[in-house]
Amino acid sequence: MSPVKTRLAALFGAALLVLGGTAAAAAESSGHRFGDWPTWQGSPSGSRFNPAEHRITPRTVGGLGLKWAFAYPKSFFPVKSQPAVVGDGVYFGGPDGKFYALDSDSGATRWTFDLGTVDKGGVVIDGPSVARGKVFFGDSRGYLYALDQRTGRLVWAKQTEPHPAGMHTSSPLYHDGHVYVGSSSGEMLNPDVKYPCCTFRGHLDSFDADTGDLTWRYYTVPEPKAVGTWPSGATRYEPSGAGVWSSPVVDERTGTLYVGTGQLYSGTTGDFDSLLALDARTGAVRWKQQVTKADTWRLLCGKPDNEGYCPGQKDGTALDYDIGATPTLFRVGGRTMVGVGQKSGVFHVFDARTGEVSWRRQLSEPMPGGGLSGIQWGTSFDGRNLYVATNWANPGTLFALDPEDGDIVWQTPSPADGCTTGGAAQFPTVCKRAHTPAVTSSPGLVYEGSVDGKMRVYDSRTGAVLWTFDTVRDFAGVNGLTGHGSAISGNGGAVVSHGTLYVQSGYWPSYPSDHGNVLLAFGPI
């Protein structure tokens, strides 16, 4: 860094201390302890940074050891629900249609809630948010739930999704008496050429946290209309898609929500591949930035003989370049900025008040016909650097970026021996040097898992790997089941709270096993 940037970094650190005090006061007022991780983002601003962590440090991280493992029953679904940690409780959903609360020290089960008591067939695929004595989460059918934090009793459950393929991959965000959550869909994965594609439209919703009543809904595309037929004769609807895959964040001072959107399934219009800034009270648009000019993609775009079913295939606009990542708010030079990663491999930064572009940084080259090489779920900001990871980027790489201009402070590729050592070495055709999870940080440390099944902790100053743990193995669960690790889970990332590191292991691509996935808890031994 230049001397000026060094001084700026020091100012960032000083500002962080002020923000830490504010965060502590806010935590107390919402029933949290400073150092809790009550929501997917860690903080309402999307920092994924825990400033209160003082037990896991650059000096002690090398001594991290496994405290306990919680094993899931074998399931078709991988584990995706990032835990929330409040006090001595850990809250998360399993791929078995159940939601769990555990004791953070022992891993003992406090209570379990079965989603089948509301409606059969649901799976928790997002992380929860804990606020005001309630646990909020969504499921694969579009239900949103509120449970009593202490007992697991159902407070309310609402079917929020008017489309049969709708679901919640977006984790809820609590703010000022309301719960905000996005809606996405698997409709674009239908491989049947006779399917009347497509009628889903993405939306971000606001619900009353006490009652579950809908207070407003923002649709990302106009209502789909029949505009003709596909080559099979099936009805063709446009526009559709632009799902909200990730969690929103909020600037609590201005009451502004920020959230990203995905690609279209059909048509050419709507708020696809966009970062939206909405009024948290009304849902009105304050500004929006569309980062891709055209992007209409569904599964048939990747299939042979798709002539007429994927109009963007020939002209290069079938890209699948979602903003699937959660935004991050941060301060630079007295201005609040908002940054977000895209599956194209670009990290975008805008003025949070106006939407004006500040800078962009291309961190990986896009893959033809899909965005797997890019930035998937989310980034972290520790008051000094932004931390961003790329996925199947040959290899996926963890970056530290200067928040002022996007200059690369350091970059560390997923280690070359990741697929030749540990459990992944037995499955060379499955393993990739890739990063699916969101990035997490605490003072002096950055946490990022890999498709090779290894969880790693990095030095935030240099990018050096300080600790590695291979999860592709069997684990004896504290709940009496045997579990098996796999690729470190996406839909979230590592959670660091009160001296414990929590990691969900089990995601696509999966390593073969007769056992279900695992939640692992590590602490200084």
Protein backbone atom coordinates (compact mmCIF):
# COMPACT_ATOMS: atom_id res chain seq x y z
CA MET A 1 0.00 0.00 0.00
CA SER A 2 1.01 3.61 -0.53
CA PRO A 3 1.56 5.79 2.58
CA VAL A 4 -1.78 7.49 1.88
CA LYS A 5 -3.57 4.14 1.71
CA THR A 6 -1.81 3.01 4.86
CA ARG A 7 -3.14 6.07 6.67
CA LEU A 8 -6.58 5.41 5.23
CA ALA A 9 -6.41 1.84 6.49
CA ALA A 10 -5.63 3.14 9.95
CA LEU A 11 -8.64 5.44 9.71
CA PHE A 12 -10.76 2.48 8.65
CA GLY A 13 -9.58 0.64 11.73
CA ALA A 14 -10.43 3.59 13.96
CA ALA A 15 -13.86 3.88 12.35
CA LEU A 16 -14.35 0.20 12.98
CA LEU A 17 -13.94 0.75 16.72
CA VAL A 18 -16.72 3.33 16.59
CA LEU A 19 -18.88 0.99 14.54
CA GLY A 20 -18.14 -1.79 17.01
CA GLY A 21 -19.54 0.28 19.84
CA THR A 22 -22.64 1.04 17.80
CA ALA A 23 -23.00 -2.62 16.96
CA ALA A 24 -22.73 -3.53 20.64
CA ALA A 25 -25.52 -1.11 21.55
CA ALA A 26 -27.70 -2.36 18.70
CA ALA A 27 -27.09 -5.96 19.72
CA GLU A 28 -28.17 -5.30 23.28
CA SER A 29 -31.36 -3.52 22.15
CA SER A 30 -32.34 -6.47 19.92
CA GLY A 31 -31.65 -9.12 22.55
CA HIS A 32 -28.22 -10.10 21.25
CA ARG A 33 -24.79 -10.15 22.86
CA PHE A 34 -21.91 -8.37 21.17
CA GLY A 35 -20.10 -11.13 19.31
CA ASP A 36 -23.26 -13.03 18.33
CA TRP A 37 -23.81 -13.95 14.68
CA PRO A 38 -27.61 -13.51 14.49
CA THR A 39 -28.12 -13.28 10.75
CA TRP A 40 -26.65 -14.53 7.45
CA GLN A 41 -24.60 -11.37 6.91
CA GLY A 42 -23.27 -11.30 10.48
CA SER A 43 -24.33 -7.64 10.61
CA PRO A 44 -27.18 -5.72 8.93
CA SER A 45 -24.64 -4.01 6.66
CA GLY A 46 -23.43 -7.30 5.20
CA SER A 47 -19.88 -7.16 6.59
CA ARG A 48 -19.62 -10.88 7.46
CA PHE A 49 -17.05 -9.66 10.00
CA ASN A 50 -17.13 -10.32 13.73
CA PRO A 51 -15.17 -7.51 15.43
CA ALA A 52 -15.73 -9.03 18.89
CA GLU A 53 -13.92 -12.31 18.22
CA HIS A 54 -10.88 -12.40 20.53
CA ARG A 55 -10.34 -16.10 21.21
CA ILE A 56 -9.64 -17.18 17.64
CA THR A 57 -6.72 -14.96 16.65
CA PRO A 58 -3.67 -15.18 14.36
CA ARG A 59 -1.77 -16.44 17.40
CA THR A 60 -4.27 -19.16 18.44
CA VAL A 61 -5.78 -20.24 15.12
CA GLY A 62 -3.17 -22.94 14.57
CA GLY A 63 -4.51 -24.72 17.64
CA LEU A 64 -8.11 -24.98 16.44
CA GLY A 65 -9.55 -28.43 17.03
CA LEU A 66 -12.88 -30.14 16.55
CA LYS A 67 -15.24 -29.53 19.50
CA TRP A 68 -18.18 -31.52 18.16
CA ALA A 69 -19.91 -32.70 15.02
CA PHE A 70 -23.65 -32.85 14.34
CA ALA A 71 -24.57 -35.43 11.68
CA TYR A 72 -27.61 -35.30 9.39
CA PRO A 73 -29.53 -38.33 8.11
CA LYS A 74 -28.65 -39.34 4.56
CA SER A 75 -30.64 -37.13 2.19
CA PHE A 76 -31.01 -36.30 -1.47
CA PHE A 77 -30.47 -32.65 -0.56
CA PRO A 78 -27.09 -31.22 0.49
CA VAL A 79 -26.77 -29.13 3.63
CA LYS A 80 -27.16 -25.42 2.92
CA SER A 81 -28.42 -23.62 6.04
CA GLN A 82 -25.69 -21.42 7.52
CA PRO A 83 -26.09 -21.36 11.33
CA ALA A 84 -27.05 -18.33 13.38
CA VAL A 85 -25.41 -18.06 16.81
CA VAL A 86 -27.06 -16.06 19.59
CA GLY A 87 -25.72 -16.40 23.13
CA ASP A 88 -25.08 -20.09 23.74
CA GLY A 89 -27.57 -21.26 21.11
CA VAL A 90 -26.91 -22.41 17.52
CA TYR A 91 -29.85 -22.32 15.06
CA PHE A 92 -29.95 -23.94 11.60
CA GLY A 93 -31.97 -26.10 9.23
CA GLY A 94 -31.12 -29.56 7.98
CA PRO A 95 -31.60 -31.27 4.60
CA ASP A 96 -34.00 -33.65 6.40
CA GLY A 97 -36.89 -31.18 6.69
CA LYS A 98 -36.13 -30.27 10.30
CA PHE A 99 -34.92 -27.13 12.02
CA TYR A 100 -32.56 -27.45 15.00
CA ALA A 101 -31.41 -25.51 18.04
CA LEU A 102 -28.23 -26.79 19.71
CA ASP A 103 -26.10 -25.89 22.71
CA SER A 104 -22.97 -24.17 21.41
CA ASP A 105 -20.60 -25.78 23.91
CA SER A 106 -21.69 -29.41 23.65
CA GLY A 107 -23.71 -29.64 20.44
CA ALA A 108 -26.59 -31.16 22.44
CA THR A 109 -30.01 -30.68 20.88
CA ARG A 110 -32.26 -28.18 22.69
CA TRP A 111 -35.26 -28.47 20.41
CA THR A 112 -36.26 -29.59 16.93
CA PHE A 113 -39.03 -28.30 14.68
CA ASP A 114 -40.42 -30.50 11.90
CA LEU A 115 -41.43 -28.53 8.78
CA GLY A 116 -43.83 -31.35 7.95
CA THR A 117 -46.13 -30.18 10.71
CA VAL A 118 -46.93 -27.17 8.51
CA ASP A 119 -46.79 -28.79 5.07
CA LYS A 120 -44.98 -31.86 3.79
CA GLY A 121 -41.92 -31.83 1.56
CA GLY A 122 -40.10 -28.70 2.71
CA VAL A 123 -36.35 -28.39 3.21
CA VAL A 124 -34.53 -25.48 4.84
CA ILE A 125 -32.10 -24.15 2.23
CA ASP A 126 -31.26 -20.79 3.72
CA GLY A 127 -29.76 -19.57 6.97
CA PRO A 128 -31.99 -18.18 9.72
CA SER A 129 -32.14 -14.76 11.31
CA VAL A 130 -32.66 -14.47 15.07
CA ALA A 131 -34.22 -11.30 16.50
CA ARG A 132 -36.58 -10.25 19.29
CA GLY A 133 -36.92 -13.78 20.64
CA LYS A 134 -37.87 -15.31 17.30
CA VAL A 135 -36.06 -17.41 14.68
CA PHE A 136 -36.99 -16.54 11.07
CA PHE A 137 -36.24 -18.75 8.06
CA GLY A 138 -37.65 -19.86 4.71
CA ASP A 139 -37.86 -23.18 2.90
CA SER A 140 -37.81 -24.85 -0.51
CA ARG A 141 -41.58 -24.45 -1.01
CA GLY A 142 -41.77 -20.71 -0.35
CA TYR A 143 -42.89 -20.86 3.28
CA LEU A 144 -41.54 -18.30 5.75
CA TYR A 145 -41.49 -19.31 9.43
CA ALA A 146 -41.17 -17.62 12.81
CA LEU A 147 -40.34 -19.90 15.76
CA ASP A 148 -39.99 -19.09 19.42
CA GLN A 149 -36.24 -18.88 20.03
CA ARG A 150 -36.40 -20.53 23.44
CA THR A 151 -38.81 -23.41 22.80
CA GLY A 152 -39.02 -23.91 19.02
CA ARG A 153 -42.80 -23.39 19.15
CA LEU A 154 -44.32 -22.20 15.86
CA VAL A 155 -45.31 -18.53 16.13
CA TRP A 156 -46.45 -18.21 12.53
CA ALA A 157 -45.87 -19.72 9.09
CA LYS A 158 -46.83 -18.07 5.81
CA GLN A 159 -46.87 -19.44 2.28
CA THR A 160 -45.28 -16.45 0.57
CA GLU A 161 -44.82 -17.76 -2.94
CA PRO A 162 -47.65 -17.63 -5.53
CA HIS A 163 -45.66 -19.78 -8.00
CA PRO A 164 -45.38 -23.58 -7.52
CA ALA A 165 -41.64 -23.53 -8.30
CA GLY A 166 -40.87 -20.61 -5.96
CA MET A 167 -38.56 -21.02 -2.99
CA HIS A 168 -36.38 -19.15 -0.52
CA THR A 169 -32.63 -19.33 -0.97
CA SER A 170 -32.48 -15.80 0.41
CA SER A 171 -31.93 -15.63 4.16
CA PRO A 172 -34.28 -13.29 6.03
CA LEU A 173 -33.06 -9.92 7.28
CA TYR A 174 -34.68 -8.39 10.37
CA HIS A 175 -34.89 -4.59 10.59
CA ASP A 176 -37.15 -2.29 12.58
CA GLY A 177 -39.99 -4.72 13.18
CA HIS A 178 -39.96 -6.24 9.71
CA VAL A 179 -38.47 -9.30 8.03
CA TYR A 180 -37.17 -8.94 4.47
CA VAL A 181 -36.64 -11.97 2.24
CA GLY A 182 -36.20 -12.65 -1.46
CA SER A 183 -37.85 -15.27 -3.63
CA SER A 184 -36.09 -17.42 -6.22
CA SER A 185 -37.13 -20.42 -8.27
CA GLY A 186 -36.01 -23.65 -9.89
CA GLU A 187 -38.39 -23.19 -12.83
CA MET A 188 -35.52 -22.52 -15.24
CA LEU A 189 -34.14 -26.03 -14.50
CA ASN A 190 -37.12 -27.79 -16.11
CA PRO A 191 -35.63 -29.84 -18.98
CA ASP A 192 -38.94 -30.60 -20.72
CA VAL A 193 -39.21 -28.83 -24.08
CA LYS A 194 -43.00 -29.11 -23.77
CA TYR A 195 -43.02 -27.08 -20.56
CA PRO A 196 -44.75 -23.68 -21.04
CA CYS A 197 -41.75 -21.60 -19.98
CA CYS A 198 -41.81 -19.46 -17.95
CA THR A 199 -44.10 -17.74 -15.47
CA PHE A 200 -42.08 -17.16 -12.29
CA ARG A 201 -41.04 -13.64 -11.43
CA GLY A 202 -38.63 -12.77 -8.65
CA HIS A 203 -39.60 -10.57 -5.76
CA LEU A 204 -38.38 -9.08 -2.49
CA ASP A 205 -40.92 -9.02 0.33
CA SER A 206 -41.38 -7.21 3.62
CA PHE A 207 -43.31 -8.96 6.41
CA ASP A 208 -44.44 -7.81 9.84
CA ALA A 209 -42.14 -9.70 12.22
CA ASP A 210 -44.88 -10.19 14.84
CA THR A 211 -47.71 -11.39 12.60
CA GLY A 212 -46.13 -12.51 9.31
CA ASP A 213 -48.45 -10.18 7.37
CA LEU A 214 -47.09 -8.93 4.05
CA THR A 215 -46.39 -5.18 4.17
CA TRP A 216 -45.03 -4.75 0.64
CA ARG A 217 -43.72 -6.73 -2.33
CA TYR A 218 -41.36 -5.59 -5.09
CA TYR A 219 -41.46 -7.65 -8.29
CA THR A 220 -38.32 -7.71 -10.42
CA VAL A 221 -40.14 -8.28 -13.74
CA PRO A 222 -43.59 -7.38 -15.10
CA GLU A 223 -46.28 -10.06 -15.04
CA PRO A 224 -45.44 -12.72 -17.68
CA LYS A 225 -47.76 -12.80 -20.70
CA ALA A 226 -48.33 -15.46 -23.35
CA VAL A 227 -46.51 -14.22 -26.48
CA GLY A 228 -46.61 -17.26 -28.73
CA THR A 229 -45.25 -20.80 -28.64
CA TRP A 230 -41.95 -22.62 -28.33
CA PRO A 231 -40.92 -24.99 -31.16
CA SER A 232 -42.63 -27.85 -29.29
CA GLY A 233 -45.93 -26.01 -29.36
CA ALA A 234 -45.82 -25.21 -25.65
CA THR A 235 -46.99 -21.72 -24.70
CA ARG A 236 -44.23 -19.17 -24.44
CA TYR A 237 -44.42 -16.59 -21.65
CA GLU A 238 -42.35 -13.41 -21.29
CA PRO A 239 -40.69 -11.90 -19.33
CA SER A 240 -39.86 -14.20 -16.42
CA GLY A 241 -37.12 -14.91 -13.88
CA ALA A 242 -34.83 -12.41 -12.18
CA GLY A 243 -35.04 -14.29 -8.88
CA VAL A 244 -33.63 -12.90 -5.65
CA TRP A 245 -31.18 -15.63 -4.61
CA SER A 246 -29.32 -13.84 -1.85
CA SER A 247 -30.08 -11.95 1.33
CA PRO A 248 -30.62 -8.19 1.39
CA VAL A 249 -28.62 -5.80 3.57
CA VAL A 250 -29.73 -2.51 5.08
CA ASP A 251 -28.23 0.89 5.81
CA GLU A 252 -29.95 1.47 9.14
CA ARG A 253 -29.21 5.21 9.07
CA THR A 254 -31.04 5.83 5.79
CA GLY A 255 -33.49 2.94 5.85
CA THR A 256 -32.28 1.68 2.48
CA LEU A 257 -32.29 -2.00 1.48
CA TYR A 258 -29.80 -3.34 -1.07
CA VAL A 259 -30.27 -6.66 -2.88
CA GLY A 260 -29.09 -8.36 -6.06
CA THR A 261 -31.13 -10.17 -8.72
CA GLY A 262 -30.59 -13.06 -11.11
CA GLN A 263 -30.95 -13.67 -14.84
CA LEU A 264 -34.14 -13.82 -16.89
CA TYR A 265 -35.66 -17.17 -17.91
CA SER A 266 -37.48 -15.70 -20.91
CA GLY A 267 -37.87 -12.29 -22.51
CA THR A 268 -35.54 -9.32 -22.39
CA THR A 269 -37.01 -6.82 -19.90
CA GLY A 270 -37.00 -6.38 -16.14
CA ASP A 271 -34.59 -5.82 -13.26
CA PHE A 272 -32.35 -8.79 -14.08
CA ASP A 273 -28.66 -8.89 -13.04
CA SER A 274 -29.28 -5.73 -11.03
CA LEU A 275 -28.41 -4.22 -7.70
CA LEU A 276 -31.55 -2.63 -6.25
CA ALA A 277 -31.70 0.11 -3.60
CA LEU A 278 -35.18 0.16 -2.07
CA ASP A 279 -36.89 2.15 0.66
CA ALA A 280 -37.17 -0.30 3.58
CA ARG A 281 -40.48 1.20 4.71
CA THR A 282 -42.33 1.22 1.38
CA GLY A 283 -40.34 -0.84 -1.15
CA ALA A 284 -40.03 2.19 -3.45
CA VAL A 285 -36.98 2.26 -5.72
CA ARG A 286 -34.29 4.75 -4.70
CA TRP A 287 -31.97 3.63 -7.49
CA LYS A 288 -31.01 0.52 -9.43
CA GLN A 289 -27.96 -0.51 -11.40
CA GLN A 290 -28.18 -3.20 -14.09
CA VAL A 291 -24.71 -4.72 -14.56
CA THR A 292 -25.42 -6.90 -17.64
CA LYS A 293 -27.14 -5.61 -20.76
CA ALA A 294 -28.74 -8.94 -21.67
CA ASP A 295 -28.95 -12.27 -19.84
CA THR A 296 -31.68 -14.82 -20.61
CA TRP A 297 -30.73 -18.33 -19.50
CA ARG A 298 -32.35 -21.61 -18.51
CA LEU A 299 -31.16 -25.21 -18.37
CA LEU A 300 -31.99 -25.85 -22.02
CA CYS A 301 -29.30 -23.31 -22.94
CA GLY A 302 -26.73 -25.91 -21.90
CA LYS A 303 -28.32 -28.78 -23.81
CA PRO A 304 -27.68 -29.90 -27.40
CA ASP A 305 -30.50 -29.46 -29.92
CA ASN A 306 -31.82 -26.38 -28.13
CA GLU A 307 -32.56 -24.45 -31.32
CA GLY A 308 -35.42 -22.08 -30.65
CA TYR A 309 -35.52 -22.73 -26.91
CA CYS A 310 -32.63 -20.50 -25.88
CA PRO A 311 -32.84 -17.33 -27.99
CA GLY A 312 -29.70 -15.85 -26.45
CA GLN A 313 -27.47 -18.82 -27.29
CA LYS A 314 -26.38 -17.55 -30.71
CA ASP A 315 -25.95 -13.89 -29.84
CA GLY A 316 -24.09 -14.53 -26.58
CA THR A 317 -26.71 -13.23 -24.18
CA ALA A 318 -27.48 -16.57 -22.48
CA LEU A 319 -24.95 -15.94 -19.76
CA ASP A 320 -26.30 -16.96 -16.32
CA TYR A 321 -24.45 -14.00 -14.82
CA ASP A 322 -26.60 -13.53 -11.73
CA ILE A 323 -25.87 -11.31 -8.82
CA GLY A 324 -26.22 -14.27 -6.48
CA ALA A 325 -24.03 -12.67 -3.82
CA THR A 326 -25.17 -10.56 -0.90
CA PRO A 327 -24.01 -6.89 -1.02
CA THR A 328 -21.61 -5.32 1.49
CA LEU A 329 -21.84 -1.74 2.80
CA PHE A 330 -18.63 0.08 3.79
CA ARG A 331 -17.26 3.58 4.28
CA VAL A 332 -14.58 5.24 2.15
CA GLY A 333 -13.52 8.87 2.50
CA GLY A 334 -16.67 9.81 4.38
CA ARG A 335 -18.95 8.17 1.78
CA THR A 336 -20.99 5.02 2.21
CA MET A 337 -20.37 2.57 -0.61
CA VAL A 338 -22.05 -0.70 -1.54
CA GLY A 339 -20.14 -3.51 -3.21
CA VAL A 340 -21.42 -6.74 -4.71
CA GLY A 341 -19.92 -9.65 -6.61
CA GLN A 342 -21.31 -11.12 -9.83
CA LYS A 343 -21.07 -14.61 -11.32
CA SER A 344 -19.24 -13.03 -14.26
CA GLY A 345 -16.27 -12.59 -11.90
CA VAL A 346 -16.69 -8.80 -11.54
CA PHE A 347 -16.86 -7.03 -8.19
CA HIS A 348 -18.88 -3.80 -8.51
CA VAL A 349 -18.82 -0.83 -6.13
CA PHE A 350 -21.40 1.99 -6.15
CA ASP A 351 -22.13 5.09 -4.13
CA ALA A 352 -24.78 3.83 -1.71
CA ARG A 353 -26.77 7.08 -1.85
CA THR A 354 -26.82 7.74 -5.60
CA GLY A 355 -25.93 4.45 -7.29
CA GLU A 356 -23.06 6.13 -9.12
CA VAL A 357 -20.34 3.66 -10.15
CA SER A 358 -17.18 4.04 -8.08
CA TRP A 359 -15.07 1.17 -9.42
CA ARG A 360 -15.23 -2.36 -10.82
CA ARG A 361 -12.67 -5.15 -10.68
CA GLN A 362 -12.62 -8.25 -12.90
CA LEU A 363 -11.34 -11.06 -10.65
CA SER A 364 -11.95 -14.07 -12.90
CA GLU A 365 -12.69 -14.69 -16.54
CA PRO A 366 -16.27 -15.82 -17.20
CA MET A 367 -17.01 -19.34 -18.39
CA PRO A 368 -18.88 -19.71 -21.70
CA GLY A 369 -22.57 -20.32 -21.12
CA GLY A 370 -22.49 -20.00 -17.34
CA GLY A 371 -21.16 -18.12 -14.37
CA LEU A 372 -19.60 -20.86 -12.23
CA SER A 373 -16.18 -19.24 -12.45
CA GLY A 374 -17.26 -16.04 -10.72
CA ILE A 375 -18.31 -14.74 -7.31
CA GLN A 376 -21.09 -16.85 -5.84
CA TRP A 377 -22.47 -15.95 -2.42
CA GLY A 378 -20.89 -13.04 -0.58
CA THR A 379 -17.90 -11.04 0.56
CA SER A 380 -16.50 -9.61 3.80
CA PHE A 381 -15.22 -6.25 5.00
CA ASP A 382 -13.15 -5.90 8.18
CA GLY A 383 -12.66 -2.12 8.12
CA ARG A 384 -9.39 -2.47 6.21
CA ASN A 385 -9.93 -4.72 3.18
CA LEU A 386 -12.70 -6.28 1.17
CA TYR A 387 -12.33 -10.06 0.91
CA VAL A 388 -13.71 -11.74 -2.21
CA ALA A 389 -13.45 -15.34 -3.43
CA THR A 390 -13.91 -16.69 -6.96
CA ASN A 391 -15.32 -20.14 -7.61
CA TRP A 392 -14.35 -22.38 -10.58
CA ALA A 393 -11.80 -19.88 -11.86
CA ASN A 394 -8.99 -22.37 -12.62
CA PRO A 395 -8.16 -22.02 -9.82
CA GLY A 396 -10.60 -20.23 -7.55
CA THR A 397 -8.75 -17.48 -5.68
CA LEU A 398 -9.23 -15.52 -2.47
CA PHE A 399 -8.57 -11.78 -2.87
CA ALA A 400 -8.06 -8.86 -0.51
CA LEU A 401 -9.07 -5.62 -2.24
CA ASP A 402 -8.42 -2.01 -1.29
CA PRO A 403 -11.91 -0.57 -0.71
CA GLU A 404 -10.89 2.82 -2.07
CA ASP A 405 -10.12 1.73 -5.63
CA GLY A 406 -10.25 -2.08 -5.89
CA ASP A 407 -6.50 -2.53 -6.10
CA ILE A 408 -5.47 -6.08 -5.20
CA VAL A 409 -3.72 -6.09 -1.82
CA TRP A 410 -3.02 -9.83 -2.02
CA GLN A 411 -4.39 -12.91 -3.73
CA THR A 412 -4.11 -16.55 -2.69
CA PRO A 413 -5.19 -19.31 -5.09
CA SER A 414 -6.91 -22.37 -3.69
CA PRO A 415 -3.84 -24.48 -2.77
CA ALA A 416 -2.50 -26.77 -5.48
CA ASP A 417 -2.49 -29.82 -3.21
CA GLY A 418 -6.18 -29.47 -2.31
CA CYS A 419 -7.26 -32.22 -4.69
CA THR A 420 -4.26 -34.49 -4.16
CA THR A 421 -4.34 -34.70 -0.37
CA GLY A 422 -6.94 -35.74 2.19
CA GLY A 423 -10.27 -37.31 1.38
CA ALA A 424 -10.63 -35.46 -1.94
CA ALA A 425 -7.61 -37.28 -3.35
CA GLN A 426 -9.75 -40.41 -3.74
CA PHE A 427 -12.10 -38.57 -6.12
CA PRO A 428 -10.00 -36.62 -8.65
CA THR A 429 -12.90 -36.28 -11.09
CA VAL A 430 -15.07 -34.64 -8.40
CA CYS A 431 -12.56 -32.30 -6.79
CA LYS A 432 -12.02 -28.73 -7.98
CA ARG A 433 -9.80 -25.93 -6.73
CA ALA A 434 -12.83 -23.73 -6.27
CA HIS A 435 -14.56 -21.60 -3.64
CA THR A 436 -18.34 -21.84 -3.35
CA PRO A 437 -18.92 -20.32 0.15
CA ALA A 438 -19.23 -16.68 1.14
CA VAL A 439 -16.15 -15.19 2.80
CA THR A 440 -16.02 -14.45 6.55
CA SER A 441 -13.52 -12.46 8.63
CA SER A 442 -12.58 -11.62 12.21
CA PRO A 443 -9.70 -9.44 13.47
CA GLY A 444 -6.56 -10.61 11.65
CA LEU A 445 -8.21 -13.62 9.97
CA VAL A 446 -10.19 -14.57 6.86
CA TYR A 447 -12.21 -17.81 6.57
CA GLU A 448 -13.01 -19.58 3.30
CA GLY A 449 -13.86 -23.17 2.43
CA SER A 450 -13.32 -25.01 -0.82
CA VAL A 451 -14.88 -27.61 -3.08
CA ASP A 452 -11.89 -29.79 -2.13
CA GLY A 453 -13.61 -30.22 1.24
CA LYS A 454 -10.98 -28.29 3.17
CA MET A 455 -11.76 -25.41 5.49
CA ARG A 456 -8.97 -22.83 5.60
CA VAL A 457 -8.17 -19.76 7.67
CA TYR A 458 -5.94 -17.07 6.14
CA ASP A 459 -3.85 -14.22 7.53
CA SER A 460 -5.78 -11.05 6.65
CA ARG A 461 -2.54 -9.05 6.21
CA THR A 462 -0.73 -11.42 3.83
CA GLY A 463 -3.15 -14.05 2.56
CA ALA A 464 -1.00 -16.86 3.98
CA VAL A 465 -2.88 -20.03 4.95
CA LEU A 466 -2.64 -20.38 8.74
CA TRP A 467 -4.90 -23.39 9.34
CA THR A 468 -6.43 -26.17 7.24
CA PHE A 469 -8.90 -28.90 8.16
CA ASP A 470 -9.96 -31.69 5.81
CA THR A 471 -13.68 -32.46 6.20
CA VAL A 472 -13.92 -35.29 3.62
CA ARG A 473 -14.08 -38.04 6.23
CA ASP A 474 -16.49 -39.71 8.62
CA PHE A 475 -17.50 -37.98 11.87
CA ALA A 476 -19.23 -39.38 14.93
CA GLY A 477 -22.11 -37.01 15.57
CA VAL A 478 -23.10 -35.91 19.06
CA ASN A 479 -26.66 -36.85 18.03
CA GLY A 480 -25.76 -40.51 17.60
CA LEU A 481 -25.45 -40.53 13.79
CA THR A 482 -22.35 -40.87 11.63
CA GLY A 483 -21.81 -38.05 9.19
CA HIS A 484 -19.46 -37.47 6.28
CA GLY A 485 -17.98 -34.22 5.04
CA SER A 486 -17.92 -33.10 1.44
CA ALA A 487 -17.45 -29.81 -0.42
CA ILE A 488 -17.76 -26.91 2.04
CA SER A 489 -21.31 -25.67 1.80
CA GLY A 490 -22.42 -22.71 -0.26
CA ASN A 491 -25.63 -20.72 0.42
CA GLY A 492 -23.49 -19.24 3.22
CA GLY A 493 -20.04 -19.55 4.70
CA ALA A 494 -18.15 -19.97 7.94
CA VAL A 495 -19.65 -18.50 11.12
CA VAL A 496 -17.33 -17.24 13.89
CA SER A 497 -18.86 -16.42 17.26
CA HIS A 498 -17.73 -16.53 20.90
CA GLY A 499 -14.57 -18.51 20.23
CA THR A 500 -16.11 -21.13 17.95
CA LEU A 501 -15.88 -21.62 14.19
CA TYR A 502 -18.94 -23.31 12.62
CA VAL A 503 -18.74 -24.99 9.21
CA GLN A 504 -21.40 -26.83 7.22
CA SER A 505 -19.77 -29.55 5.11
CA GLY A 506 -21.79 -31.01 2.29
CA TYR A 507 -22.53 -29.34 -1.06
CA TRP A 508 -22.32 -29.84 -4.79
CA PRO A 509 -20.20 -31.46 -6.15
CA SER A 510 -20.60 -34.15 -3.51
CA TYR A 511 -18.11 -36.82 -2.49
CA PRO A 512 -19.72 -40.30 -2.39
CA SER A 513 -20.68 -41.62 1.04
CA ASP A 514 -23.35 -43.73 2.70
CA HIS A 515 -23.75 -41.06 5.37
CA GLY A 516 -25.35 -37.63 5.50
CA ASN A 517 -23.55 -34.30 5.78
CA VAL A 518 -22.24 -32.62 8.95
CA LEU A 519 -22.14 -29.39 10.90
CA LEU A 520 -18.70 -29.00 12.50
CA ALA A 521 -17.74 -26.78 15.44
CA PHE A 522 -14.09 -25.87 16.10
CA GLY A 523 -12.45 -24.04 18.98
CA PRO A 524 -8.97 -23.39 20.41
CA ILE A 525 -7.82 -26.60 22.09
